[in-house]
PDB file of N, CA and C in Angstrom:
ATOM      1  N   MET A   1       0.799  -1.197   0.000  1.00  0.00           N
ATOM      2  CA  MET A   1       0.000   0.000   0.000  1.00  0.00           C
ATOM      3  C   MET A   1       0.850   1.273   0.000  1.00  0.00           C
ATOM      4  N   ARG A   2       2.046   1.199   0.460  1.00  0.00           N
ATOM      5  CA  ARG A   2       2.891   2.392   0.478  1.00  0.00           C
ATOM      6  C   ARG A   2       3.371   2.765  -0.917  1.00  0.00           C
ATOM      7  N   SER A   3       3.439   1.847  -1.803  1.00  0.00           N
ATOM      8  CA  SER A   3       3.959   2.095  -3.136  1.00  0.00           C
ATOM      9  C   SER A   3       3.148   3.149  -3.897  1.00  0.00           C
ATOM     10  N   PRO A   4       1.829   3.116  -3.928  1.00  0.00           N
ATOM     11  CA  PRO A   4       1.093   4.155  -4.648  1.00  0.00           C
ATOM     12  C   PRO A   4       1.319   5.562  -4.056  1.00  0.00           C
ATOM     13  N   ASN A   5       1.424   5.675  -2.753  1.00  0.00           N
ATOM     14  CA  ASN A   5       1.686   6.989  -2.154  1.00  0.00           C
ATOM     15  C   ASN A   5       3.064   7.510  -2.547  1.00  0.00           C
ATOM     16  N   TRP A   6       4.017   6.629  -2.575  1.00  0.00           N
ATOM     17  CA  TRP A   6       5.383   7.007  -2.941  1.00  0.00           C
ATOM     18  C   TRP A   6       5.423   7.440  -4.412  1.00  0.00           C
ATOM     19  N   LEU A   7       4.733   6.716  -5.268  1.00  0.00           N
ATOM     20  CA  LEU A   7       4.666   7.044  -6.686  1.00  0.00           C
ATOM     21  C   LEU A   7       3.954   8.391  -6.891  1.00  0.00           C
ATOM     22  N   PHE A   8       2.902   8.630  -6.154  1.00  0.00           N
ATOM     23  CA  PHE A   8       2.185   9.905  -6.230  1.00  0.00           C
ATOM     24  C   PHE A   8       3.102  11.062  -5.832  1.00  0.00           C
ATOM     25  N   LEU A   9       3.902  10.878  -4.794  1.00  0.00           N
ATOM     26  CA  LEU A   9       4.830  11.908  -4.327  1.00  0.00           C
ATOM     27  C   LEU A   9       5.897  12.196  -5.382  1.00  0.00           C
ATOM     28  N   VAL A  10       6.427  11.168  -6.016  1.00  0.00           N
ATOM     29  CA  VAL A  10       7.436  11.354  -7.058  1.00  0.00           C
ATOM     30  C   VAL A  10       6.835  12.100  -8.251  1.00  0.00           C
ATOM     31  N   LEU A  11       5.645  11.722  -8.652  1.00  0.00           N
ATOM     32  CA  LEU A  11       4.985  12.399  -9.763  1.00  0.00           C
ATOM     33  C   LEU A  11       4.678  13.861  -9.435  1.00  0.00           C
ATOM     34  N   LEU A  12       4.279  14.109  -8.207  1.00  0.00           N
ATOM     35  CA  LEU A  12       4.001  15.475  -7.769  1.00  0.00           C
ATOM     36  C   LEU A  12       5.274  16.323  -7.790  1.00  0.00           C
ATOM     37  N   LEU A  13       6.403  15.764  -7.339  1.00  0.00           N
ATOM     38  CA  LEU A  13       7.682  16.482  -7.378  1.00  0.00           C
ATOM     39  C   LEU A  13       8.132  16.733  -8.817  1.00  0.00           C
ATOM     40  N   LEU A  14       7.911  15.765  -9.668  1.00  0.00           N
ATOM     41  CA  LEU A  14       8.259  15.922 -11.076  1.00  0.00           C
ATOM     42  C   LEU A  14       7.427  17.042 -11.718  1.00  0.00           C
ATOM     43  N   LEU A  15       6.149  17.047 -11.414  1.00  0.00           N
ATOM     44  CA  LEU A  15       5.274  18.095 -11.923  1.00  0.00           C
ATOM     45  C   LEU A  15       5.705  19.466 -11.400  1.00  0.00           C
ATOM     46  N   ALA A  16       6.072  19.555 -10.133  1.00  0.00           N
ATOM     47  CA  ALA A  16       6.532  20.825  -9.558  1.00  0.00           C
ATOM     48  C   ALA A  16       7.819  21.286 -10.235  1.00  0.00           C
ATOM     49  N   GLY A  17       8.725  20.378 -10.511  1.00  0.00           N
ATOM     50  CA  GLY A  17       9.972  20.734 -11.196  1.00  0.00           C
ATOM     51  C   GLY A  17       9.714  21.250 -12.599  1.00  0.00           C
ATOM     52  N   LEU A  18       8.814  20.612 -13.312  1.00  0.00           N
ATOM     53  CA  LEU A  18       8.489  21.065 -14.663  1.00  0.00           C
ATOM     54  C   LEU A  18       7.791  22.427 -14.641  1.00  0.00           C
ATOM     55  N   GLN A  19       6.915  22.629 -13.681  1.00  0.00           N
ATOM     56  CA  GLN A  19       6.244  23.913 -13.552  1.00  0.00           C
ATOM     57  C   GLN A  19       7.243  25.022 -13.214  1.00  0.00           C
ATOM     58  N   TYR A  20       8.223  24.710 -12.388  1.00  0.00           N
ATOM     59  CA  TYR A  20       9.255  25.683 -12.048  1.00  0.00           C
ATOM     60  C   TYR A  20       9.990  26.120 -13.313  1.00  0.00           C
ATOM     61  N   ARG A  21      10.384  25.147 -14.142  1.00  0.00           N
ATOM     62  CA  ARG A  21      11.086  25.480 -15.390  1.00  0.00           C
ATOM     63  C   ARG A  21      10.199  26.292 -16.325  1.00  0.00           C
ATOM     64  N   LEU A  22       8.920  25.970 -16.341  1.00  0.00           N
ATOM     65  CA  LEU A  22       8.001  26.673 -17.236  1.00  0.00           C
ATOM     66  C   LEU A  22       7.856  28.142 -16.843  1.00  0.00           C
ATOM     67  N   TRP A  23       7.761  28.434 -15.572  1.00  0.00           N
ATOM     68  CA  TRP A  23       7.478  29.791 -15.120  1.00  0.00           C
ATOM     69  C   TRP A  23       8.702  30.587 -14.713  1.00  0.00           C
ATOM     70  N   VAL A  24       9.751  29.944 -14.201  1.00  0.00           N
ATOM     71  CA  VAL A  24      10.875  30.685 -13.619  1.00  0.00           C
ATOM     72  C   VAL A  24      12.206  30.337 -14.270  1.00  0.00           C
ATOM     73  N   GLY A  25      12.439  29.113 -14.617  1.00  0.00           N
ATOM     74  CA  GLY A  25      13.754  28.644 -15.053  1.00  0.00           C
ATOM     75  C   GLY A  25      14.177  29.153 -16.414  1.00  0.00           C
ATOM     76  N   ASN A  26      15.282  28.596 -16.887  1.00  0.00           N
ATOM     77  CA  ASN A  26      15.830  28.946 -18.188  1.00  0.00           C
ATOM     78  C   ASN A  26      14.847  28.529 -19.280  1.00  0.00           C
ATOM     79  N   GLY A  27      14.512  29.445 -20.184  1.00  0.00           N
ATOM     80  CA  GLY A  27      13.544  29.148 -21.230  1.00  0.00           C
ATOM     81  C   GLY A  27      12.105  29.288 -20.769  1.00  0.00           C
ATOM     82  N   SER A  28      11.892  30.044 -19.712  1.00  0.00           N
ATOM     83  CA  SER A  28      10.543  30.216 -19.169  1.00  0.00           C
ATOM     84  C   SER A  28       9.693  31.074 -20.112  1.00  0.00           C
ATOM     85  N   LEU A  29       8.423  31.120 -19.831  1.00  0.00           N
ATOM     86  CA  LEU A  29       7.516  31.909 -20.659  1.00  0.00           C
ATOM     87  C   LEU A  29       7.871  33.392 -20.634  1.00  0.00           C
ATOM     88  N   ALA A  30       8.270  33.896 -19.490  1.00  0.00           N
ATOM     89  CA  ALA A  30       8.651  35.309 -19.386  1.00  0.00           C
ATOM     90  C   ALA A  30       9.895  35.588 -20.223  1.00  0.00           C
ATOM     91  N   GLN A  31      10.847  34.691 -20.200  1.00  0.00           N
ATOM     92  CA  GLN A  31      12.065  34.873 -20.979  1.00  0.00           C
ATOM     93  C   GLN A  31      11.766  34.804 -22.480  1.00  0.00           C
ATOM     94  N   VAL A  32      10.890  33.902 -22.868  1.00  0.00           N
ATOM     95  CA  VAL A  32      10.505  33.791 -24.274  1.00  0.00           C
ATOM     96  C   VAL A  32       9.801  35.073 -24.726  1.00  0.00           C
ATOM     97  N   ALA A  33       8.936  35.612 -23.901  1.00  0.00           N
ATOM     98  CA  ALA A  33       8.246  36.855 -24.244  1.00  0.00           C
ATOM     99  C   ALA A  33       9.243  38.005 -24.377  1.00  0.00           C
ATOM    100  N   SER A  34      10.208  38.066 -23.483  1.00  0.00           N
ATOM    101  CA  SER A  34      11.227  39.106 -23.537  1.00  0.00           C
ATOM    102  C   SER A  34      12.060  38.984 -24.813  1.00  0.00           C
ATOM    103  N   LEU A  35      12.468  37.783 -25.155  1.00  0.00           N
ATOM    104  CA  LEU A  35      13.246  37.575 -26.370  1.00  0.00           C
ATOM    105  C   LEU A  35      12.434  37.894 -27.624  1.00  0.00           C
ATOM    106  N   THR A  36      11.150  37.579 -27.596  1.00  0.00           N
ATOM    107  CA  THR A  36      10.277  37.905 -28.734  1.00  0.00           C
ATOM    108  C   THR A  36      10.192  39.417 -28.918  1.00  0.00           C
ATOM    109  N   GLN A  37      10.100  40.151 -27.824  1.00  0.00           N
ATOM    110  CA  GLN A  37      10.064  41.620 -27.891  1.00  0.00           C
ATOM    111  C   GLN A  37      11.386  42.164 -28.415  1.00  0.00           C
ATOM    112  N   GLN A  38      12.499  41.594 -27.976  1.00  0.00           N
ATOM    113  CA  GLN A  38      13.806  42.037 -28.453  1.00  0.00           C
ATOM    114  C   GLN A  38      13.947  41.795 -29.953  1.00  0.00           C
ATOM    115  N   ILE A  39      13.436  40.673 -30.424  1.00  0.00           N
ATOM    116  CA  ILE A  39      13.482  40.365 -31.853  1.00  0.00           C
ATOM    117  C   ILE A  39      12.660  41.380 -32.636  1.00  0.00           C
ATOM    118  N   ALA A  40      11.476  41.705 -32.140  1.00  0.00           N
ATOM    119  CA  ALA A  40      10.624  42.693 -32.819  1.00  0.00           C
ATOM    120  C   ALA A  40      11.309  44.058 -32.855  1.00  0.00           C
ATOM    121  N   ASP A  41      11.931  44.453 -31.755  1.00  0.00           N
ATOM    122  CA  ASP A  41      12.647  45.733 -31.713  1.00  0.00           C
ATOM    123  C   ASP A  41      13.804  45.745 -32.709  1.00  0.00           C
ATOM    124  N   GLN A  42      14.531  44.627 -32.789  1.00  0.00           N
ATOM    125  CA  GLN A  42      15.660  44.538 -33.707  1.00  0.00           C
ATOM    126  C   GLN A  42      15.199  44.593 -35.155  1.00  0.00           C
ATOM    127  N   HIS A  43      14.061  43.951 -35.454  1.00  0.00           N
ATOM    128  CA  HIS A  43      13.513  44.009 -36.810  1.00  0.00           C
ATOM    129  C   HIS A  43      13.140  45.450 -37.175  1.00  0.00           C
ATOM    130  N   ALA A  44      12.549  46.174 -36.239  1.00  0.00           N
ATOM    131  CA  ALA A  44      12.180  47.568 -36.493  1.00  0.00           C
ATOM    132  C   ALA A  44      13.425  48.422 -36.739  1.00  0.00           C
ATOM    133  N   GLU A  45      14.449  48.209 -35.937  1.00  0.00           N
ATOM    134  CA  GLU A  45      15.691  48.960 -36.117  1.00  0.00           C
ATOM    135  C   GLU A  45      16.340  48.621 -37.460  1.00  0.00           C
ATOM    136  N   ASN A  46      16.303  47.347 -37.830  1.00  0.00           N
ATOM    137  CA  ASN A  46      16.876  46.935 -39.113  1.00  0.00           C
ATOM    138  C   ASN A  46      16.139  47.589 -40.283  1.00  0.00           C
ATOM    139  N   GLU A  47      14.816  47.668 -40.190  1.00  0.00           N
ATOM    140  CA  GLU A  47      14.035  48.312 -41.248  1.00  0.00           C
ATOM    141  C   GLU A  47      14.392  49.789 -41.371  1.00  0.00           C
ATOM    142  N   ALA A  48      14.560  50.455 -40.239  1.00  0.00           N
ATOM    143  CA  ALA A  48      14.933  51.870 -40.269  1.00  0.00           C
ATOM    144  C   ALA A  48      16.317  52.052 -40.896  1.00  0.00           C
ATOM    145  N   LEU A  49      17.241  51.164 -40.564  1.00  0.00           N
ATOM    146  CA  LEU A  49      18.586  51.253 -41.134  1.00  0.00           C
ATOM    147  C   LEU A  49      18.581  50.928 -42.623  1.00  0.00           C
ATOM    148  N   LEU A  50      17.753  49.987 -43.034  1.00  0.00           N
ATOM    149  CA  LEU A  50      17.645  49.684 -44.459  1.00  0.00           C
ATOM    150  C   LEU A  50      17.100  50.883 -45.229  1.00  0.00           C
ATOM    151  N   GLU A  51      16.122  51.559 -44.668  1.00  0.00           N
ATOM    152  CA  GLU A  51      15.571  52.757 -45.314  1.00  0.00           C
ATOM    153  C   GLU A  51      16.629  53.844 -45.413  1.00  0.00           C
ATOM    154  N   ARG A  52      17.405  54.029 -44.355  1.00  0.00           N
ATOM    155  CA  ARG A  52      18.484  55.016 -44.378  1.00  0.00           C
ATOM    156  C   ARG A  52      19.507  54.663 -45.459  1.00  0.00           C
ATOM    157  N   ASN A  53      19.819  53.368 -45.585  1.00  0.00           N
ATOM    158  CA  ASN A  53      20.762  52.931 -46.612  1.00  0.00           C
ATOM    159  C   ASN A  53      20.215  53.176 -48.015  1.00  0.00           C
ATOM    160  N   ARG A  54      18.911  52.955 -48.205  1.00  0.00           N
ATOM    161  CA  ARG A  54      18.310  53.215 -49.513  1.00  0.00           C
ATOM    162  C   ARG A  54      18.418  54.694 -49.876  1.00  0.00           C
ATOM    163  N   VAL A  55      18.175  55.561 -48.897  1.00  0.00           N
ATOM    164  CA  VAL A  55      18.281  56.998 -49.138  1.00  0.00           C
ATOM    165  C   VAL A  55      19.720  57.365 -49.481  1.00  0.00           C
ATOM    166  N   MET A  56      20.668  56.815 -48.763  1.00  0.00           N
ATOM    167  CA  MET A  56      22.076  57.112 -49.026  1.00  0.00           C
ATOM    168  C   MET A  56      22.508  56.584 -50.394  1.00  0.00           C
ATOM    169  N   ASP A  57      22.027  55.402 -50.777  1.00  0.00           N
ATOM    170  CA  ASP A  57      22.344  54.872 -52.102  1.00  0.00           C
ATOM    171  C   ASP A  57      21.817  55.784 -53.195  1.00  0.00           C
ATOM    172  N   ALA A  58      20.597  56.268 -53.022  1.00  0.00           N
ATOM    173  CA  ALA A  58      20.021  57.185 -54.008  1.00  0.00           C
ATOM    174  C   ALA A  58      20.836  58.475 -54.075  1.00  0.00           C
ATOM    175  N   GLU A  59      21.270  58.957 -52.941  1.00  0.00           N
ATOM    176  CA  GLU A  59      22.071  60.179 -52.905  1.00  0.00           C
ATOM    177  C   GLU A  59      23.417  59.970 -53.590  1.00  0.00           C
ATOM    178  N   VAL A  60      24.034  58.821 -53.379  1.00  0.00           N
ATOM    179  CA  VAL A  60      25.317  58.520 -54.021  1.00  0.00           C
ATOM    180  C   VAL A  60      25.146  58.459 -55.536  1.00  0.00           C
ATOM    181  N   LEU A  61      24.086  57.789 -55.984  1.00  0.00           N
ATOM    182  CA  LEU A  61      23.831  57.730 -57.431  1.00  0.00           C
ATOM    183  C   LEU A  61      23.614  59.126 -58.007  1.00  0.00           C
ATOM    184  N   GLU A  62      22.889  59.958 -57.297  1.00  0.00           N
ATOM    185  CA  GLU A  62      22.636  61.325 -57.747  1.00  0.00           C
ATOM    186  C   GLU A  62      23.938  62.114 -57.827  1.00  0.00           C
ATOM    187  N   LEU A  63      24.804  61.923 -56.837  1.00  0.00           N
ATOM    188  CA  LEU A  63      26.093  62.626 -56.848  1.00  0.00           C
ATOM    189  C   LEU A  63      26.978  62.145 -57.993  1.00  0.00           C
ATOM    190  N   LYS A  64      26.886  60.869 -58.323  1.00  0.00           N
ATOM    191  CA  LYS A  64      27.717  60.328 -59.398  1.00  0.00           C
ATOM    192  C   LYS A  64      27.275  60.800 -60.772  1.00  0.00           C
ATOM    193  N   LYS A  65      25.979  60.972 -60.978  1.00  0.00           N
ATOM    194  CA  LYS A  65      25.519  61.262 -62.333  1.00  0.00           C
ATOM    195  C   LYS A  65      25.140  62.723 -62.583  1.00  0.00           C
ATOM    196  N   GLY A  66      24.906  63.502 -61.568  1.00  0.00           N
ATOM    197  CA  GLY A  66      24.445  64.860 -61.804  1.00  0.00           C
ATOM    198  C   GLY A  66      25.301  65.897 -61.114  1.00  0.00           C
ATOM    199  N   LEU A  67      25.499  67.018 -61.794  1.00  0.00           N
ATOM    200  CA  LEU A  67      26.268  68.106 -61.201  1.00  0.00           C
ATOM    201  C   LEU A  67      25.406  69.028 -60.356  1.00  0.00           C
ATOM    202  N   GLU A  68      24.093  68.979 -60.540  1.00  0.00           N
ATOM    203  CA  GLU A  68      23.211  69.851 -59.767  1.00  0.00           C
ATOM    204  C   GLU A  68      23.308  69.565 -58.270  1.00  0.00           C
ATOM    205  N   THR A  69      23.382  68.303 -57.929  1.00  0.00           N
ATOM    206  CA  THR A  69      23.476  67.943 -56.513  1.00  0.00           C
ATOM    207  C   THR A  69      24.811  68.405 -55.938  1.00  0.00           C
ATOM    208  N   VAL A  70      25.872  68.243 -56.700  1.00  0.00           N
ATOM    209  CA  VAL A  70      27.195  68.693 -56.234  1.00  0.00           C
ATOM    210  C   VAL A  70      27.180  70.204 -56.036  1.00  0.00           C
ATOM    211  N   GLU A  71      26.580  70.916 -56.998  1.00  0.00           N
ATOM    212  CA  GLU A  71      26.501  72.369 -56.892  1.00  0.00           C
ATOM    213  C   GLU A  71      25.670  72.780 -55.670  1.00  0.00           C
ATOM    214  N   GLU A  72      24.557  72.117 -55.455  1.00  0.00           N
ATOM    215  CA  GLU A  72      23.705  72.440 -54.307  1.00  0.00           C
ATOM    216  C   GLU A  72      24.440  72.220 -52.994  1.00  0.00           C
ATOM    217  N   ARG A  73      25.154  71.093 -52.899  1.00  0.00           N
ATOM    218  CA  ARG A  73      25.928  70.833 -51.672  1.00  0.00           C
ATOM    219  C   ARG A  73      27.028  71.875 -51.481  1.00  0.00           C
ATOM    220  N   ALA A  74      27.697  72.252 -52.557  1.00  0.00           N
ATOM    221  CA  ALA A  74      28.761  73.257 -52.452  1.00  0.00           C
ATOM    222  C   ALA A  74      28.191  74.579 -51.960  1.00  0.00           C
ATOM    223  N   ARG A  75      27.003  74.926 -52.427  1.00  0.00           N
ATOM    224  CA  ARG A  75      26.389  76.191 -52.001  1.00  0.00           C
ATOM    225  C   ARG A  75      25.989  76.156 -50.526  1.00  0.00           C
ATOM    226  N   HIS A  76      25.298  75.082 -50.124  1.00  0.00           N
ATOM    227  CA  HIS A  76      24.750  75.050 -48.765  1.00  0.00           C
ATOM    228  C   HIS A  76      25.777  74.668 -47.705  1.00  0.00           C
ATOM    229  N   GLU A  77      26.613  73.699 -47.997  1.00  0.00           N
ATOM    230  CA  GLU A  77      27.535  73.212 -46.963  1.00  0.00           C
ATOM    231  C   GLU A  77      28.845  73.987 -46.919  1.00  0.00           C
ATOM    232  N   LEU A  78      29.302  74.452 -48.095  1.00  0.00           N
ATOM    233  CA  LEU A  78      30.597  75.118 -48.140  1.00  0.00           C
ATOM    234  C   LEU A  78      30.490  76.625 -48.360  1.00  0.00           C
ATOM    235  N   GLY A  79      29.287  77.120 -48.662  1.00  0.00           N
ATOM    236  CA  GLY A  79      29.090  78.552 -48.857  1.00  0.00           C
ATOM    237  C   GLY A  79      29.707  79.075 -50.144  1.00  0.00           C
ATOM    238  N   MET A  80      29.822  78.238 -51.150  1.00  0.00           N
ATOM    239  CA  MET A  80      30.438  78.644 -52.416  1.00  0.00           C
ATOM    240  C   MET A  80      29.415  79.355 -53.306  1.00  0.00           C
ATOM    241  N   VAL A  81      29.912  80.213 -54.191  1.00  0.00           N
ATOM    242  CA  VAL A  81      29.066  80.932 -55.149  1.00  0.00           C
ATOM    243  C   VAL A  81      29.687  80.773 -56.536  1.00  0.00           C
ATOM    244  N   LYS A  82      28.862  80.937 -57.571  1.00  0.00           N
ATOM    245  CA  LYS A  82      29.343  80.873 -58.952  1.00  0.00           C
ATOM    246  C   LYS A  82      30.003  82.194 -59.327  1.00  0.00           C
ATOM    247  N   ASP A  83      30.774  82.132 -60.405  1.00  0.00           N
ATOM    248  CA  ASP A  83      31.357  83.369 -60.942  1.00  0.00           C
ATOM    249  C   ASP A  83      30.227  84.281 -61.407  1.00  0.00           C
ATOM    250  N   GLY A  84      30.314  85.537 -61.084  1.00  0.00           N
ATOM    251  CA  GLY A  84      29.315  86.498 -61.495  1.00  0.00           C
ATOM    252  C   GLY A  84      28.150  86.617 -60.525  1.00  0.00           C
ATOM    253  N   GLU A  85      28.079  85.789 -59.522  1.00  0.00           N
ATOM    254  CA  GLU A  85      27.003  85.875 -58.528  1.00  0.00           C
ATOM    255  C   GLU A  85      27.458  86.718 -57.347  1.00  0.00           C
ATOM    256  N   THR A  86      26.502  87.314 -56.695  1.00  0.00           N
ATOM    257  CA  THR A  86      26.788  88.089 -55.494  1.00  0.00           C
ATOM    258  C   THR A  86      26.071  87.419 -54.327  1.00  0.00           C
ATOM    259  N   LEU A  87      26.802  87.185 -53.273  1.00  0.00           N
ATOM    260  CA  LEU A  87      26.239  86.537 -52.075  1.00  0.00           C
ATOM    261  C   LEU A  87      25.754  87.610 -51.124  1.00  0.00           C
ATOM    262  N   TYR A  88      24.512  87.511 -50.718  1.00  0.00           N
ATOM    263  CA  TYR A  88      23.949  88.409 -49.723  1.00  0.00           C
ATOM    264  C   TYR A  88      23.635  87.578 -48.483  1.00  0.00           C
ATOM    265  N   GLN A  89      24.189  87.971 -47.348  1.00  0.00           N
ATOM    266  CA  GLN A  89      23.899  87.285 -46.096  1.00  0.00           C
ATOM    267  C   GLN A  89      23.101  88.216 -45.221  1.00  0.00           C
ATOM    268  N   LEU A  90      22.016  87.694 -44.674  1.00  0.00           N
ATOM    269  CA  LEU A  90      21.171  88.479 -43.793  1.00  0.00           C
ATOM    270  C   LEU A  90      21.463  88.098 -42.347  1.00  0.00           C
ATOM    271  N   ALA A  91      21.660  89.097 -41.522  1.00  0.00           N
ATOM    272  CA  ALA A  91      21.899  88.842 -40.105  1.00  0.00           C
ATOM    273  C   ALA A  91      20.541  88.574 -39.435  1.00  0.00           C
ATOM    274  N   GLN A  92      20.537  87.647 -38.545  1.00  0.00           N
ATOM    275  CA  GLN A  92      19.275  87.294 -37.858  1.00  0.00           C
ATOM    276  C   GLN A  92      19.165  87.985 -36.537  1.00  0.00           C
TER     277      GLN A  92
END
């Protein structure tokens, strides 16, 4: 008669151990949820970086094939003017 009680106790301990791993241990539901959120965040960041790269690629192509973009950058970033032009700067 003691055997069924002993078997019940072992099964109960086994169930408790599995429940511990499910809720608290390595690979628990909370950890899986956290990793899933990290993956989603990383995917969003990757998409933003891909979009930035697409914009930069388009800008590089524009710089390679057209002089208008080079001229615009020279005017705005370096303050250059063409021959015969007069630069007027307004004080703010």
